[in-house]
Amino acid sequence: MTMDRLRKSAAIVTLTLNPALDVSSRVASVTPDEKLRCSEPAYEPGGGGINVARAIHQLGGTAVALWTRGGGVGHFLEELLNEERVENYPVPIKGTTRENFVVTDESNERQYRFCHPGPALTESEQLKSLSKLQRRNRLQHIW
């Protein structure tokens, strides 16, 4: 098998059990007890495995993101991955996909990162995720 064919056929599969919708914005200055007016938010898919799959895709490689999706936030995260053309397979869960919020203080360029916990997965949801990963591996040779 040639290297070109191998690059085109081999995919890295990532598993993200606690994905996130990353929301970022900027403010003039972070001041306690004041209403802070933020810039328009930016939305990005997040979570360890999803970030790896996105980076591989951006570098021209082939990656597949397998991840848990819950609620409206999860559906929005899926839309963002599809817009970036990252191959992805969500596993539906009952909980809601978590959101993270990052604020950059423009007066000093410091970032404040607020990370919410993700939903607790049921045993059934965990098993469903692993089963989907096993099925994906059977369809693809690992070299």
Protein backbone atom coordinates (compact mmCIF):
# COMPACT_ATOMS: atom_id res chain seq x y z
CA MET A 1 0.00 0.00 0.00
CA THR A 2 1.41 3.41 -0.93
CA MET A 3 1.77 6.17 1.66
CA ASP A 4 -0.76 8.33 -0.24
CA ARG A 5 -3.35 5.56 -0.16
CA LEU A 6 -2.58 4.87 3.50
CA ARG A 7 -3.05 8.56 4.36
CA LYS A 8 -6.38 8.60 2.56
CA SER A 9 -7.68 5.37 4.09
CA ALA A 10 -6.38 5.48 7.67
CA ALA A 11 -8.32 7.56 10.14
CA ILE A 12 -7.72 8.45 13.74
CA VAL A 13 -10.82 7.91 15.81
CA THR A 14 -11.26 10.04 18.93
CA LEU A 15 -13.71 9.46 21.76
CA THR A 16 -14.99 12.46 23.74
CA LEU A 17 -17.26 11.56 26.64
CA ASN A 18 -17.40 15.13 28.01
CA PRO A 19 -17.51 17.47 24.99
CA ALA A 20 -18.16 21.18 25.32
CA LEU A 21 -19.45 24.16 23.45
CA ASP A 22 -16.71 26.76 23.95
CA VAL A 23 -18.08 30.31 24.06
CA SER A 24 -15.57 33.16 24.06
CA SER A 25 -15.94 36.91 24.30
CA ARG A 26 -14.04 40.08 25.22
CA VAL A 27 -14.69 42.90 27.68
CA ALA A 28 -12.94 46.24 28.18
CA SER A 29 -12.07 45.36 31.76
CA VAL A 30 -13.10 42.72 34.28
CA THR A 31 -14.50 44.59 37.26
CA PRO A 32 -16.26 42.96 40.22
CA ASP A 33 -19.90 43.78 40.96
CA GLU A 34 -20.39 45.57 37.63
CA LYS A 35 -22.44 44.57 34.59
CA LEU A 36 -19.81 43.75 31.98
CA ARG A 37 -20.71 44.39 28.33
CA CYS A 38 -19.19 41.64 26.22
CA SER A 39 -18.34 41.57 22.52
CA GLU A 40 -20.22 39.25 20.17
CA PRO A 41 -19.52 35.70 21.29
CA ALA A 42 -17.57 33.18 19.24
CA TYR A 43 -18.67 29.54 19.36
CA GLU A 44 -16.35 26.58 18.84
CA PRO A 45 -16.58 22.82 19.35
CA GLY A 46 -14.53 21.68 22.32
CA GLY A 47 -13.46 18.75 24.43
CA GLY A 48 -10.21 16.79 24.24
CA GLY A 49 -10.98 14.29 21.49
CA ILE A 50 -13.00 16.76 19.46
CA ASN A 51 -10.10 19.23 19.57
CA VAL A 52 -7.71 16.52 18.38
CA ALA A 53 -10.03 15.54 15.49
CA ARG A 54 -10.43 19.20 14.48
CA ALA A 55 -6.66 19.78 14.51
CA ILE A 56 -5.98 16.66 12.43
CA HIS A 57 -8.68 17.72 9.95
CA GLN A 58 -7.24 21.28 9.74
CA LEU A 59 -3.80 19.79 8.99
CA GLY A 60 -5.25 17.73 6.13
CA GLY A 61 -5.44 14.39 7.93
CA THR A 62 -8.39 12.09 8.43
CA ALA A 63 -10.02 11.94 11.82
CA VAL A 64 -13.36 10.81 13.14
CA ALA A 65 -14.84 12.31 16.30
CA LEU A 66 -17.10 10.02 18.32
CA TRP A 67 -18.75 12.01 21.11
CA THR A 68 -21.73 12.25 23.44
CA ARG A 69 -24.47 14.73 22.48
CA GLY A 70 -27.17 16.04 24.79
CA GLY A 71 -29.86 18.70 24.46
CA GLY A 72 -29.91 21.81 22.30
CA VAL A 73 -26.28 22.61 23.12
CA GLY A 74 -25.26 19.19 21.77
CA HIS A 75 -27.19 19.76 18.55
CA PHE A 76 -25.51 23.16 18.10
CA LEU A 77 -22.11 21.53 18.69
CA GLU A 78 -22.94 18.99 15.98
CA GLU A 79 -23.84 21.82 13.57
CA LEU A 80 -20.47 23.47 14.23
CA LEU A 81 -18.58 20.22 13.60
CA ASN A 82 -20.52 19.67 10.38
CA GLU A 83 -19.77 23.24 9.24
CA GLU A 84 -16.06 22.49 9.73
CA ARG A 85 -16.54 19.21 7.82
CA VAL A 86 -15.17 17.14 10.69
CA GLU A 87 -16.51 13.61 10.35
CA ASN A 88 -18.38 12.96 13.57
CA TYR A 89 -20.71 10.45 15.16
CA PRO A 90 -22.67 11.69 18.17
CA VAL A 91 -24.03 9.29 20.77
CA PRO A 92 -27.32 10.69 22.15
CA ILE A 93 -27.48 11.09 25.94
CA LYS A 94 -30.16 12.35 28.34
CA GLY A 95 -28.04 15.11 29.92
CA THR A 96 -27.10 18.40 28.29
CA THR A 97 -23.70 18.93 26.69
CA ARG A 98 -21.67 21.33 28.81
CA GLU A 99 -20.65 24.87 27.94
CA ASN A 100 -17.41 26.66 28.75
CA PHE A 101 -17.10 30.44 28.80
CA VAL A 102 -13.86 32.34 28.20
CA VAL A 103 -13.62 36.09 28.71
CA THR A 104 -10.59 38.11 27.65
CA ASP A 105 -9.95 41.32 29.58
CA GLU A 106 -8.83 43.81 26.92
CA SER A 107 -7.09 46.06 29.47
CA ASN A 108 -4.42 43.41 30.16
CA GLU A 109 -5.20 40.57 27.66
CA ARG A 110 -5.74 38.11 30.52
CA GLN A 111 -8.21 35.30 30.00
CA TYR A 112 -10.75 34.08 32.52
CA ARG A 113 -11.93 30.53 31.82
CA PHE A 114 -15.18 29.26 33.31
CA CYS A 115 -15.64 25.52 32.76
CA HIS A 116 -18.90 23.83 33.69
CA PRO A 117 -19.07 20.16 34.63
CA GLY A 118 -20.51 17.78 32.09
CA PRO A 119 -23.48 15.50 32.62
CA ALA A 120 -22.99 12.20 34.40
CA LEU A 121 -23.30 9.42 31.84
CA THR A 122 -25.44 6.43 32.68
CA GLU A 123 -23.90 2.99 32.38
CA SER A 124 -26.04 2.43 29.30
CA GLU A 125 -24.71 5.63 27.66
CA GLN A 126 -21.13 4.61 28.44
CA LEU A 127 -21.67 1.16 26.95
CA LYS A 128 -23.36 2.64 23.88
CA SER A 129 -20.34 4.91 23.31
CA LEU A 130 -17.87 2.03 23.61
CA SER A 131 -20.00 -0.17 21.35
CA LYS A 132 -20.06 2.54 18.67
CA LEU A 133 -16.27 2.86 18.96
CA GLN A 134 -15.83 -0.92 18.58
CA ARG A 135 -18.11 -0.98 15.51
CA ARG A 136 -16.12 1.89 13.95
CA ASN A 137 -12.83 0.04 14.55
CA ARG A 138 -14.13 -3.13 12.87
CA LEU A 139 -14.91 -1.12 9.73
CA GLN A 140 -11.41 0.38 9.49
CA HIS A 141 -8.01 -1.31 9.38
CA ILE A 142 -5.56 0.11 11.87
CA TRP A 143 -2.03 0.17 10.41
